[in-house]
Amino acid sequence: MIVKVCGMREAENIRAVEALGVDWMGFIFWESSSRYVSQHPDYLPMRAKRVGVFVDAPLDVVHQQVEAFGLDVVQLHGSESPTYLRDLRDALDNGASIVKAFSIANRDDLSQTSLYEGMADYYLFDTKAQLVGGNGRKFDWSVLVYYNGSTPFLLSGGIGPDDASHISVFRHPQLAGIDLNSRFEIAPAKKNVELLKQFLYEIQQNQ
């Protein structure tokens, strides 16, 4: 299972979280976010995959950040169209994977995923809210029983230190991983390493 920690920014915090063995680390390139990465950190992960998070960004901006940060994965968290994803795929010459995020409140919100089949390598299911991501709130995971697409997904939205046991019993054939962010923070873009360490240990124990 992929473990992604999103909303990273500070070099030493990046080093410490990467040392826990997480698989992906996310960097947010949306200026309205409190976790916005405005400059190149002194350290970027060398083992964990680098994920760039964008919200309706022009394709040239995405490509520029992919090059500047050596991104392995591009996560789209806005209202990007299937055509946008197709054009992005053509523009990415480093083979980066594409993740398309969807805001979920009920089963009807899953219907939009069918339009993107074959366009993204992964989906990410987050909680529908006023803010784009990082809200610290979960949606009702049981609605995902109605997701029958072929694209694997990451589970996101308010996953916290007390959710290890819930994740261990959650089953879906397309579940590929989990996305951790605000509920493991000391401050925006600074993660509590000990909380993450304990959570990851509990996940491993429950597998």
N, C-alpha and C. Protein backbone atom coordinates (compact mmCIF):
# COMPACT_ATOMS: atom_id res chain seq x y z
N MET A 1 0.83 -1.19 0.00
CA MET A 1 0.00 0.00 0.00
C MET A 1 0.87 1.25 0.00
N ILE A 2 0.57 2.17 -0.91
CA ILE A 2 1.29 3.44 -0.99
C ILE A 2 0.92 4.31 0.22
N VAL A 3 1.93 4.84 0.89
CA VAL A 3 1.70 5.82 1.94
C VAL A 3 2.25 7.15 1.46
N LYS A 4 1.37 8.10 1.26
CA LYS A 4 1.75 9.45 0.80
C LYS A 4 1.55 10.43 1.95
N VAL A 5 2.58 11.24 2.19
CA VAL A 5 2.46 12.34 3.15
C VAL A 5 2.51 13.62 2.34
N CYS A 6 1.46 14.41 2.42
CA CYS A 6 1.33 15.59 1.57
C CYS A 6 1.52 16.87 2.38
N GLY A 7 1.79 17.95 1.65
CA GLY A 7 1.93 19.26 2.29
C GLY A 7 3.26 19.45 2.98
N MET A 8 4.34 19.03 2.33
CA MET A 8 5.68 19.17 2.91
C MET A 8 6.33 20.45 2.39
N ARG A 9 7.29 20.98 3.19
CA ARG A 9 7.95 22.22 2.76
C ARG A 9 9.32 22.42 3.38
N GLU A 10 9.51 22.03 4.66
CA GLU A 10 10.75 22.34 5.37
C GLU A 10 11.75 21.19 5.23
N ALA A 11 12.99 21.53 4.91
CA ALA A 11 14.01 20.54 4.57
C ALA A 11 14.19 19.47 5.64
N GLU A 12 14.37 19.87 6.88
CA GLU A 12 14.63 18.89 7.94
C GLU A 12 13.41 18.03 8.22
N ASN A 13 12.24 18.60 8.10
CA ASN A 13 11.01 17.82 8.26
C ASN A 13 10.86 16.83 7.12
N ILE A 14 11.23 17.23 5.92
CA ILE A 14 11.21 16.32 4.78
C ILE A 14 12.14 15.14 5.02
N ARG A 15 13.36 15.42 5.49
CA ARG A 15 14.32 14.36 5.79
C ARG A 15 13.77 13.38 6.82
N ALA A 16 13.20 13.92 7.89
CA ALA A 16 12.73 13.08 8.99
C ALA A 16 11.55 12.21 8.57
N VAL A 17 10.63 12.78 7.80
CA VAL A 17 9.47 12.01 7.35
C VAL A 17 9.90 10.95 6.33
N GLU A 18 10.81 11.31 5.44
CA GLU A 18 11.28 10.33 4.47
C GLU A 18 11.96 9.15 5.17
N ALA A 19 12.65 9.42 6.25
CA ALA A 19 13.36 8.37 6.99
C ALA A 19 12.40 7.35 7.59
N LEU A 20 11.12 7.70 7.71
CA LEU A 20 10.13 6.75 8.22
C LEU A 20 9.77 5.69 7.20
N GLY A 21 10.16 5.90 5.96
CA GLY A 21 9.90 4.91 4.92
C GLY A 21 8.64 5.15 4.12
N VAL A 22 8.11 6.38 4.14
CA VAL A 22 6.91 6.66 3.35
C VAL A 22 7.26 6.55 1.86
N ASP A 23 6.25 6.31 1.05
CA ASP A 23 6.47 6.05 -0.37
C ASP A 23 6.45 7.30 -1.24
N TRP A 24 5.51 8.20 -0.95
CA TRP A 24 5.36 9.44 -1.72
C TRP A 24 5.34 10.63 -0.77
N MET A 25 5.86 11.77 -1.23
CA MET A 25 5.79 13.01 -0.47
C MET A 25 5.26 14.10 -1.38
N GLY A 26 4.26 14.83 -0.89
CA GLY A 26 3.58 15.82 -1.71
C GLY A 26 3.99 17.25 -1.42
N PHE A 27 4.12 18.03 -2.51
CA PHE A 27 4.49 19.44 -2.44
C PHE A 27 3.43 20.24 -3.18
N ILE A 28 2.85 21.21 -2.50
CA ILE A 28 1.68 21.91 -3.02
C ILE A 28 2.10 23.19 -3.73
N PHE A 29 1.72 23.28 -5.01
CA PHE A 29 2.06 24.44 -5.83
C PHE A 29 0.81 25.25 -6.16
N TRP A 30 -0.02 25.43 -5.18
CA TRP A 30 -1.24 26.24 -5.30
C TRP A 30 -1.11 27.39 -4.31
N GLU A 31 -1.06 28.59 -4.81
CA GLU A 31 -0.71 29.75 -3.98
C GLU A 31 -1.70 30.02 -2.86
N SER A 32 -2.92 29.58 -2.99
CA SER A 32 -3.92 29.84 -1.94
C SER A 32 -3.80 28.89 -0.76
N SER A 33 -2.95 27.89 -0.86
CA SER A 33 -2.79 26.93 0.22
C SER A 33 -1.83 27.45 1.28
N SER A 34 -2.13 27.13 2.54
CA SER A 34 -1.20 27.48 3.63
C SER A 34 0.06 26.63 3.58
N ARG A 35 0.06 25.62 2.73
CA ARG A 35 1.22 24.73 2.58
C ARG A 35 1.94 24.97 1.25
N TYR A 36 1.67 26.10 0.65
CA TYR A 36 2.24 26.44 -0.65
C TYR A 36 3.76 26.47 -0.61
N VAL A 37 4.37 25.83 -1.58
CA VAL A 37 5.83 25.80 -1.70
C VAL A 37 6.24 26.93 -2.65
N SER A 38 6.76 28.00 -2.10
CA SER A 38 7.11 29.18 -2.90
C SER A 38 8.55 29.17 -3.38
N GLN A 39 9.37 28.33 -2.75
CA GLN A 39 10.77 28.26 -3.16
C GLN A 39 11.29 26.84 -2.98
N HIS A 40 12.38 26.55 -3.63
CA HIS A 40 12.96 25.22 -3.62
C HIS A 40 13.53 24.91 -2.23
N PRO A 41 13.03 23.86 -1.55
CA PRO A 41 13.60 23.51 -0.24
C PRO A 41 15.07 23.11 -0.38
N ASP A 42 15.81 23.22 0.71
CA ASP A 42 17.22 22.84 0.70
C ASP A 42 17.40 21.33 0.52
N TYR A 43 16.34 20.58 0.80
CA TYR A 43 16.40 19.13 0.61
C TYR A 43 15.08 18.64 0.03
N LEU A 44 15.18 17.76 -0.95
CA LEU A 44 14.02 17.08 -1.50
C LEU A 44 14.24 15.58 -1.37
N PRO A 45 13.17 14.80 -1.23
CA PRO A 45 13.34 13.36 -1.01
C PRO A 45 14.11 12.69 -2.14
N MET A 46 14.95 11.75 -1.76
CA MET A 46 15.76 11.01 -2.71
C MET A 46 15.21 9.60 -2.94
N ARG A 47 14.54 9.05 -1.91
CA ARG A 47 13.98 7.71 -2.04
C ARG A 47 12.48 7.76 -2.31
N ALA A 48 11.76 8.55 -1.53
CA ALA A 48 10.32 8.68 -1.73
C ALA A 48 10.04 9.43 -3.04
N LYS A 49 8.97 9.07 -3.70
CA LYS A 49 8.60 9.77 -4.93
C LYS A 49 8.11 11.18 -4.61
N ARG A 50 8.45 12.12 -5.46
CA ARG A 50 8.06 13.52 -5.30
C ARG A 50 6.77 13.78 -6.07
N VAL A 51 5.77 14.26 -5.33
CA VAL A 51 4.46 14.52 -5.91
C VAL A 51 4.20 16.03 -5.91
N GLY A 52 3.88 16.58 -7.06
CA GLY A 52 3.50 17.98 -7.15
C GLY A 52 2.00 18.11 -7.22
N VAL A 53 1.41 18.93 -6.35
CA VAL A 53 -0.04 19.11 -6.30
C VAL A 53 -0.40 20.45 -6.94
N PHE A 54 -1.28 20.41 -7.94
CA PHE A 54 -1.66 21.60 -8.70
C PHE A 54 -3.19 21.73 -8.72
N VAL A 55 -3.64 22.99 -8.83
CA VAL A 55 -5.07 23.27 -8.91
C VAL A 55 -5.32 24.15 -10.12
N ASP A 56 -5.82 23.55 -11.19
CA ASP A 56 -6.16 24.28 -12.42
C ASP A 56 -5.00 25.15 -12.91
N ALA A 57 -3.81 24.61 -12.86
CA ALA A 57 -2.62 25.36 -13.29
C ALA A 57 -2.43 25.23 -14.79
N PRO A 58 -1.92 26.27 -15.46
CA PRO A 58 -1.59 26.16 -16.88
C PRO A 58 -0.59 25.03 -17.10
N LEU A 59 -0.70 24.38 -18.23
CA LEU A 59 0.18 23.24 -18.51
C LEU A 59 1.66 23.62 -18.46
N ASP A 60 1.99 24.82 -18.92
CA ASP A 60 3.41 25.20 -18.93
C ASP A 60 3.93 25.37 -17.51
N VAL A 61 3.08 25.80 -16.59
CA VAL A 61 3.48 25.94 -15.18
C VAL A 61 3.73 24.56 -14.58
N VAL A 62 2.85 23.61 -14.87
CA VAL A 62 3.04 22.25 -14.36
C VAL A 62 4.35 21.68 -14.89
N HIS A 63 4.58 21.83 -16.18
CA HIS A 63 5.80 21.29 -16.79
C HIS A 63 7.04 21.93 -16.19
N GLN A 64 6.97 23.22 -15.93
CA GLN A 64 8.10 23.93 -15.33
C GLN A 64 8.44 23.39 -13.95
N GLN A 65 7.42 23.14 -13.14
CA GLN A 65 7.66 22.62 -11.79
C GLN A 65 8.10 21.16 -11.81
N VAL A 66 7.61 20.40 -12.76
CA VAL A 66 8.07 19.02 -12.91
C VAL A 66 9.58 19.00 -13.15
N GLU A 67 10.04 19.90 -13.99
CA GLU A 67 11.47 19.98 -14.29
C GLU A 67 12.25 20.52 -13.10
N ALA A 68 11.75 21.58 -12.47
CA ALA A 68 12.49 22.26 -11.40
C ALA A 68 12.61 21.39 -10.15
N PHE A 69 11.58 20.60 -9.85
CA PHE A 69 11.57 19.80 -8.62
C PHE A 69 11.80 18.31 -8.87
N GLY A 70 11.99 17.93 -10.12
CA GLY A 70 12.19 16.51 -10.41
C GLY A 70 11.01 15.67 -9.98
N LEU A 71 9.80 16.11 -10.31
CA LEU A 71 8.59 15.44 -9.84
C LEU A 71 8.40 14.09 -10.53
N ASP A 72 8.02 13.11 -9.74
CA ASP A 72 7.70 11.78 -10.25
C ASP A 72 6.22 11.61 -10.51
N VAL A 73 5.41 12.41 -9.82
CA VAL A 73 3.96 12.30 -9.89
C VAL A 73 3.36 13.71 -9.94
N VAL A 74 2.35 13.89 -10.78
CA VAL A 74 1.59 15.14 -10.84
C VAL A 74 0.19 14.86 -10.34
N GLN A 75 -0.23 15.57 -9.28
CA GLN A 75 -1.58 15.40 -8.73
C GLN A 75 -2.40 16.63 -9.08
N LEU A 76 -3.55 16.40 -9.69
CA LEU A 76 -4.43 17.48 -10.13
C LEU A 76 -5.62 17.55 -9.20
N HIS A 77 -5.76 18.69 -8.52
CA HIS A 77 -6.76 18.80 -7.46
C HIS A 77 -7.83 19.84 -7.77
N GLY A 78 -7.93 20.20 -9.05
CA GLY A 78 -8.92 21.20 -9.43
C GLY A 78 -10.02 20.61 -10.30
N SER A 79 -10.48 21.40 -11.26
CA SER A 79 -11.55 20.96 -12.16
C SER A 79 -10.99 20.62 -13.54
N GLU A 80 -9.78 20.12 -13.58
CA GLU A 80 -9.14 19.80 -14.85
C GLU A 80 -9.97 18.80 -15.66
N SER A 81 -10.08 19.04 -16.95
CA SER A 81 -10.90 18.21 -17.82
C SER A 81 -10.12 16.99 -18.31
N PRO A 82 -10.83 15.99 -18.86
CA PRO A 82 -10.12 14.87 -19.47
C PRO A 82 -9.16 15.31 -20.58
N THR A 83 -9.55 16.34 -21.34
CA THR A 83 -8.66 16.85 -22.39
C THR A 83 -7.38 17.42 -21.78
N TYR A 84 -7.51 18.11 -20.65
CA TYR A 84 -6.34 18.64 -19.97
C TYR A 84 -5.40 17.51 -19.59
N LEU A 85 -5.94 16.42 -19.06
CA LEU A 85 -5.10 15.29 -18.68
C LEU A 85 -4.41 14.68 -19.90
N ARG A 86 -5.13 14.60 -21.01
CA ARG A 86 -4.53 14.05 -22.22
C ARG A 86 -3.38 14.94 -22.70
N ASP A 87 -3.60 16.25 -22.67
CA ASP A 87 -2.55 17.18 -23.10
C ASP A 87 -1.36 17.14 -22.14
N LEU A 88 -1.65 16.99 -20.85
CA LEU A 88 -0.57 16.92 -19.86
C LEU A 88 0.27 15.66 -20.10
N ARG A 89 -0.40 14.55 -20.37
CA ARG A 89 0.32 13.31 -20.62
C ARG A 89 1.29 13.49 -21.80
N ASP A 90 0.82 14.17 -22.84
CA ASP A 90 1.67 14.40 -24.00
C ASP A 90 2.85 15.30 -23.68
N ALA A 91 2.63 16.23 -22.71
CA ALA A 91 3.67 17.21 -22.38
C ALA A 91 4.71 16.67 -21.41
N LEU A 92 4.37 15.63 -20.66
CA LEU A 92 5.30 15.09 -19.67
C LEU A 92 6.29 14.15 -20.35
N ASP A 93 7.50 14.62 -20.49
CA ASP A 93 8.50 13.82 -21.19
C ASP A 93 9.38 13.01 -20.24
N ASN A 94 9.06 13.05 -18.93
CA ASN A 94 9.86 12.28 -17.97
C ASN A 94 9.12 11.05 -17.46
N GLY A 95 7.95 10.80 -18.03
CA GLY A 95 7.19 9.62 -17.62
C GLY A 95 6.49 9.74 -16.29
N ALA A 96 6.30 10.95 -15.80
CA ALA A 96 5.64 11.14 -14.50
C ALA A 96 4.22 10.58 -14.53
N SER A 97 3.81 10.03 -13.39
CA SER A 97 2.45 9.52 -13.24
C SER A 97 1.49 10.68 -12.98
N ILE A 98 0.22 10.45 -13.29
CA ILE A 98 -0.81 11.47 -13.08
C ILE A 98 -1.85 10.94 -12.10
N VAL A 99 -2.16 11.77 -11.10
CA VAL A 99 -3.22 11.47 -10.13
C VAL A 99 -4.31 12.53 -10.29
N LYS A 100 -5.54 12.12 -10.46
CA LYS A 100 -6.66 13.06 -10.52
C LYS A 100 -7.47 12.94 -9.24
N ALA A 101 -7.61 14.05 -8.53
CA ALA A 101 -8.35 14.07 -7.28
C ALA A 101 -9.83 14.39 -7.53
N PHE A 102 -10.69 13.77 -6.73
CA PHE A 102 -12.12 14.02 -6.78
C PHE A 102 -12.64 14.30 -5.37
N SER A 103 -13.52 15.28 -5.27
CA SER A 103 -14.13 15.61 -3.98
C SER A 103 -15.40 14.78 -3.81
N ILE A 104 -15.45 14.05 -2.71
CA ILE A 104 -16.53 13.09 -2.52
C ILE A 104 -17.36 13.41 -1.28
N ALA A 105 -18.67 13.43 -1.46
CA ALA A 105 -19.59 13.54 -0.33
C ALA A 105 -20.59 12.39 -0.33
N ASN A 106 -20.97 11.95 -1.54
CA ASN A 106 -21.92 10.86 -1.65
C ASN A 106 -21.65 10.07 -2.93
N ARG A 107 -22.43 9.04 -3.17
CA ARG A 107 -22.18 8.14 -4.30
C ARG A 107 -22.29 8.85 -5.64
N ASP A 108 -23.10 9.90 -5.72
CA ASP A 108 -23.26 10.62 -6.98
C ASP A 108 -21.95 11.27 -7.43
N ASP A 109 -21.12 11.64 -6.46
CA ASP A 109 -19.86 12.30 -6.80
C ASP A 109 -18.89 11.35 -7.49
N LEU A 110 -19.12 10.05 -7.40
CA LEU A 110 -18.25 9.08 -8.03
C LEU A 110 -18.51 8.94 -9.53
N SER A 111 -19.66 9.42 -9.99
CA SER A 111 -20.01 9.24 -11.40
C SER A 111 -19.04 9.97 -12.32
N GLN A 112 -18.46 11.08 -11.85
CA GLN A 112 -17.56 11.86 -12.69
C GLN A 112 -16.28 11.10 -13.03
N THR A 113 -15.94 10.09 -12.23
CA THR A 113 -14.68 9.37 -12.46
C THR A 113 -14.69 8.64 -13.80
N SER A 114 -15.85 8.25 -14.27
CA SER A 114 -15.92 7.48 -15.52
C SER A 114 -15.41 8.28 -16.71
N LEU A 115 -15.48 9.59 -16.63
CA LEU A 115 -15.02 10.45 -17.72
C LEU A 115 -13.50 10.44 -17.85
N TYR A 116 -12.81 10.00 -16.79
CA TYR A 116 -11.35 10.08 -16.75
C TYR A 116 -10.67 8.72 -16.86
N GLU A 117 -11.46 7.68 -17.09
CA GLU A 117 -10.87 6.35 -17.20
C GLU A 117 -9.84 6.32 -18.33
N GLY A 118 -8.68 5.81 -18.03
CA GLY A 118 -7.61 5.75 -19.01
C GLY A 118 -6.77 7.00 -19.11
N MET A 119 -7.17 8.06 -18.41
CA MET A 119 -6.45 9.34 -18.47
C MET A 119 -5.46 9.49 -17.31
N ALA A 120 -5.78 8.91 -16.16
CA ALA A 120 -4.95 9.05 -14.97
C ALA A 120 -4.43 7.69 -14.54
N ASP A 121 -3.28 7.69 -13.90
CA ASP A 121 -2.72 6.45 -13.36
C ASP A 121 -3.39 6.07 -12.04
N TYR A 122 -3.79 7.11 -11.31
CA TYR A 122 -4.47 6.92 -10.02
C TYR A 122 -5.53 8.00 -9.88
N TYR A 123 -6.56 7.69 -9.11
CA TYR A 123 -7.47 8.71 -8.60
C TYR A 123 -7.13 8.93 -7.13
N LEU A 124 -7.58 10.06 -6.61
CA LEU A 124 -7.50 10.33 -5.18
C LEU A 124 -8.87 10.82 -4.74
N PHE A 125 -9.43 10.15 -3.75
CA PHE A 125 -10.76 10.50 -3.25
C PHE A 125 -10.61 11.28 -1.95
N ASP A 126 -11.01 12.54 -2.01
CA ASP A 126 -10.88 13.46 -0.88
C ASP A 126 -12.27 13.91 -0.44
N THR A 127 -12.32 14.58 0.70
CA THR A 127 -13.59 15.05 1.25
C THR A 127 -14.03 16.33 0.55
N LYS A 128 -15.28 16.36 0.12
CA LYS A 128 -15.83 17.57 -0.48
C LYS A 128 -15.99 18.63 0.60
N ALA A 129 -15.40 19.80 0.37
CA ALA A 129 -15.44 20.88 1.35
C ALA A 129 -15.18 22.19 0.63
N GLN A 130 -15.27 23.28 1.39
CA GLN A 130 -15.06 24.60 0.79
C GLN A 130 -13.62 24.79 0.34
N LEU A 131 -12.67 24.28 1.14
CA LEU A 131 -11.27 24.36 0.78
C LEU A 131 -10.87 23.18 -0.08
N VAL A 132 -9.82 23.38 -0.87
CA VAL A 132 -9.30 22.30 -1.72
C VAL A 132 -8.25 21.54 -0.94
N GLY A 133 -8.65 20.40 -0.32
CA GLY A 133 -7.71 19.56 0.40
C GLY A 133 -7.29 20.14 1.74
N GLY A 134 -6.70 19.26 2.57
CA GLY A 134 -6.17 19.70 3.86
C GLY A 134 -7.21 20.17 4.84
N ASN A 135 -8.43 19.65 4.74
CA ASN A 135 -9.52 20.10 5.61
C ASN A 135 -9.58 19.36 6.94
N GLY A 136 -8.94 18.20 7.01
CA GLY A 136 -8.95 17.43 8.25
C GLY A 136 -10.27 16.73 8.52
N ARG A 137 -11.09 16.54 7.47
CA ARG A 137 -12.39 15.92 7.64
C ARG A 137 -12.52 14.70 6.72
N LYS A 138 -13.12 13.65 7.25
CA LYS A 138 -13.34 12.43 6.47
C LYS A 138 -14.72 12.46 5.81
N PHE A 139 -14.80 11.79 4.65
CA PHE A 139 -16.12 11.51 4.09
C PHE A 139 -16.49 10.07 4.47
N ASP A 140 -17.69 9.69 4.13
CA ASP A 140 -18.17 8.35 4.46
C ASP A 140 -17.55 7.35 3.47
N TRP A 141 -16.55 6.61 3.94
CA TRP A 141 -15.84 5.68 3.05
C TRP A 141 -16.75 4.60 2.49
N SER A 142 -17.86 4.35 3.13
CA SER A 142 -18.73 3.27 2.66
C SER A 142 -19.31 3.55 1.27
N VAL A 143 -19.34 4.85 0.85
CA VAL A 143 -19.87 5.16 -0.48
C VAL A 143 -18.97 4.60 -1.58
N LEU A 144 -17.73 4.28 -1.24
CA LEU A 144 -16.80 3.78 -2.25
C LEU A 144 -17.15 2.38 -2.74
N VAL A 145 -18.10 1.74 -2.08
CA VAL A 145 -18.59 0.45 -2.59
C VAL A 145 -19.20 0.64 -3.98
N TYR A 146 -19.60 1.88 -4.29
CA TYR A 146 -20.22 2.17 -5.58
C TYR A 146 -19.20 2.56 -6.64
N TYR A 147 -17.93 2.62 -6.26
CA TYR A 147 -16.90 2.87 -7.26
C TYR A 147 -16.48 1.55 -7.89
N ASN A 148 -16.75 1.40 -9.18
CA ASN A 148 -16.42 0.15 -9.87
C ASN A 148 -15.53 0.39 -11.08
N GLY A 149 -14.78 1.49 -11.04
CA GLY A 149 -13.87 1.78 -12.14
C GLY A 149 -12.63 0.91 -12.08
N SER A 150 -11.80 1.03 -13.12
CA SER A 150 -10.58 0.22 -13.21
C SER A 150 -9.34 0.97 -12.75
N THR A 151 -9.47 2.26 -12.45
CA THR A 151 -8.32 3.06 -12.02
C THR A 151 -8.12 2.92 -10.52
N PRO A 152 -6.93 2.53 -10.05
CA PRO A 152 -6.69 2.44 -8.61
C PRO A 152 -6.75 3.80 -7.95
N PHE A 153 -7.04 3.83 -6.65
CA PHE A 153 -7.21 5.12 -5.97
C PHE A 153 -6.47 5.17 -4.64
N LEU A 154 -6.17 6.42 -4.24
CA LEU A 154 -5.66 6.70 -2.91
C LEU A 154 -6.80 7.27 -2.08
N LEU A 155 -6.88 6.86 -0.83
CA LEU A 155 -7.89 7.34 0.09
C LEU A 155 -7.33 8.54 0.83
N SER A 156 -8.08 9.63 0.82
CA SER A 156 -7.62 10.87 1.44
C SER A 156 -8.76 11.51 2.23
N GLY A 157 -8.45 12.62 2.89
CA GLY A 157 -9.48 13.37 3.60
C GLY A 157 -9.57 13.05 5.07
N GLY A 158 -8.84 13.78 5.88
CA GLY A 158 -9.00 13.70 7.33
C GLY A 158 -8.52 12.43 7.99
N ILE A 159 -7.65 11.67 7.32
CA ILE A 159 -7.10 10.48 7.96
C ILE A 159 -6.16 10.92 9.07
N GLY A 160 -6.38 10.40 10.27
CA GLY A 160 -5.61 10.85 11.43
C GLY A 160 -4.97 9.72 12.20
N PRO A 161 -4.28 10.05 13.30
CA PRO A 161 -3.55 9.06 14.09
C PRO A 161 -4.42 7.93 14.62
N ASP A 162 -5.71 8.17 14.78
CA ASP A 162 -6.60 7.15 15.34
C ASP A 162 -7.28 6.29 14.28
N ASP A 163 -6.84 6.41 13.03
CA ASP A 163 -7.51 5.70 11.94
C ASP A 163 -6.80 4.46 11.45
N ALA A 164 -5.70 4.07 12.07
CA ALA A 164 -4.95 2.90 11.60
C ALA A 164 -5.83 1.65 11.57
N SER A 165 -6.60 1.44 12.61
CA SER A 165 -7.45 0.23 12.66
C SER A 165 -8.57 0.30 11.63
N HIS A 166 -9.09 1.51 11.37
CA HIS A 166 -10.15 1.66 10.37
C HIS A 166 -9.63 1.34 8.98
N ILE A 167 -8.41 1.78 8.69
CA ILE A 167 -7.82 1.50 7.38
C ILE A 167 -7.55 0.01 7.22
N SER A 168 -7.15 -0.63 8.31
CA SER A 168 -6.81 -2.06 8.22
C SER A 168 -8.01 -2.92 7.87
N VAL A 169 -9.22 -2.45 8.17
CA VAL A 169 -10.41 -3.25 7.86
C VAL A 169 -11.15 -2.75 6.62
N PHE A 170 -10.67 -1.62 6.05
CA PHE A 170 -11.31 -1.10 4.83
C PHE A 170 -10.86 -1.93 3.64
N ARG A 171 -11.80 -2.39 2.86
CA ARG A 171 -11.48 -3.23 1.72
C ARG A 171 -12.09 -2.66 0.44
N HIS A 172 -11.28 -2.61 -0.60
CA HIS A 172 -11.77 -2.26 -1.94
C HIS A 172 -10.74 -2.78 -2.93
N PRO A 173 -11.16 -3.42 -4.01
CA PRO A 173 -10.19 -4.01 -4.94
C PRO A 173 -9.27 -2.99 -5.61
N GLN A 174 -9.68 -1.71 -5.65
CA GLN A 174 -8.85 -0.70 -6.30
C GLN A 174 -8.12 0.22 -5.31
N LEU A 175 -8.18 -0.08 -4.03
CA LEU A 175 -7.45 0.71 -3.05
C LEU A 175 -5.95 0.52 -3.25
N ALA A 176 -5.25 1.63 -3.54
CA ALA A 176 -3.80 1.57 -3.80
C ALA A 176 -2.98 2.18 -2.68
N GLY A 177 -3.61 3.07 -1.88
CA GLY A 177 -2.83 3.71 -0.83
C GLY A 177 -3.63 4.74 -0.07
N ILE A 178 -2.94 5.46 0.81
CA ILE A 178 -3.56 6.48 1.66
C ILE A 178 -2.74 7.76 1.58
N ASP A 179 -3.43 8.86 1.82
CA ASP A 179 -2.83 10.19 1.74
C ASP A 179 -3.00 10.87 3.10
N LEU A 180 -1.89 11.24 3.73
CA LEU A 180 -1.90 11.83 5.08
C LEU A 180 -1.47 13.29 5.00
N ASN A 181 -2.16 14.14 5.79
CA ASN A 181 -1.79 15.55 5.75
C ASN A 181 -2.09 16.25 7.07
N SER A 182 -3.19 16.99 7.11
CA SER A 182 -3.39 18.00 8.16
C SER A 182 -3.48 17.44 9.57
N ARG A 183 -3.99 16.23 9.74
CA ARG A 183 -4.17 15.71 11.10
C ARG A 183 -2.87 15.16 11.69
N PHE A 184 -1.79 15.27 10.94
CA PHE A 184 -0.47 14.90 11.46
C PHE A 184 0.45 16.11 11.55
N GLU A 185 -0.15 17.30 11.60
CA GLU A 185 0.66 18.51 11.56
C GLU A 185 0.82 19.19 12.92
N ILE A 186 2.01 19.76 13.09
CA ILE A 186 2.28 20.67 14.21
C ILE A 186 1.85 22.07 13.80
N ALA A 187 2.09 22.39 12.54
CA ALA A 187 1.71 23.66 11.92
C ALA A 187 1.58 23.38 10.43
N PRO A 188 0.93 24.25 9.66
CA PRO A 188 0.82 24.00 8.22
C PRO A 188 2.17 23.71 7.58
N ALA A 189 2.24 22.58 6.88
CA ALA A 189 3.45 22.14 6.17
C ALA A 189 4.55 21.63 7.08
N LYS A 190 4.24 21.39 8.35
CA LYS A 190 5.23 20.79 9.26
C LYS A 190 4.58 19.61 9.98
N LYS A 191 5.09 18.41 9.69
CA LYS A 191 4.48 17.20 10.21
C LYS A 191 5.07 16.77 11.54
N ASN A 192 4.22 16.15 12.37
CA ASN A 192 4.63 15.57 13.64
C ASN A 192 5.21 14.18 13.35
N VAL A 193 6.51 14.08 13.37
CA VAL A 193 7.19 12.86 12.96
C VAL A 193 6.85 11.69 13.87
N GLU A 194 6.74 11.93 15.16
CA GLU A 194 6.43 10.86 16.10
C GLU A 194 5.02 10.31 15.88
N LEU A 195 4.07 11.19 15.62
CA LEU A 195 2.71 10.73 15.33
C LEU A 195 2.69 9.86 14.07
N LEU A 196 3.39 10.30 13.04
CA LEU A 196 3.47 9.52 11.82
C LEU A 196 4.14 8.17 12.06
N LYS A 197 5.20 8.18 12.83
CA LYS A 197 5.93 6.94 13.12
C LYS A 197 5.03 5.93 13.81
N GLN A 198 4.27 6.38 14.80
CA GLN A 198 3.38 5.49 15.53
C GLN A 198 2.26 4.98 14.63
N PHE A 199 1.73 5.86 13.82
CA PHE A 199 0.65 5.48 12.90
C PHE A 199 1.13 4.42 11.92
N LEU A 200 2.30 4.64 11.34
CA LEU A 200 2.83 3.68 10.37
C LEU A 200 3.12 2.33 11.02
N TYR A 201 3.56 2.36 12.25
CA TYR A 201 3.80 1.12 13.00
C TYR A 201 2.49 0.36 13.18
N GLU A 202 1.44 1.07 13.55
CA GLU A 202 0.14 0.43 13.75
C GLU A 202 -0.41 -0.13 12.44
N ILE A 203 -0.20 0.59 11.36
CA ILE A 203 -0.62 0.09 10.06
C ILE A 203 0.08 -1.22 9.74
N GLN A 204 1.38 -1.26 9.96
CA GLN A 204 2.14 -2.47 9.67
C GLN A 204 1.70 -3.64 10.55
N GLN A 205 1.39 -3.34 11.81
CA GLN A 205 0.96 -4.39 12.72
C GLN A 205 -0.39 -4.98 12.33
N ASN A 206 -1.22 -4.15 11.69
CA ASN A 206 -2.56 -4.58 11.32
C ASN A 206 -2.64 -5.23 9.96
N GLN A 207 -1.55 -5.24 9.22
CA GLN A 207 -1.57 -5.84 7.88
C GLN A 207 -1.54 -7.37 7.96
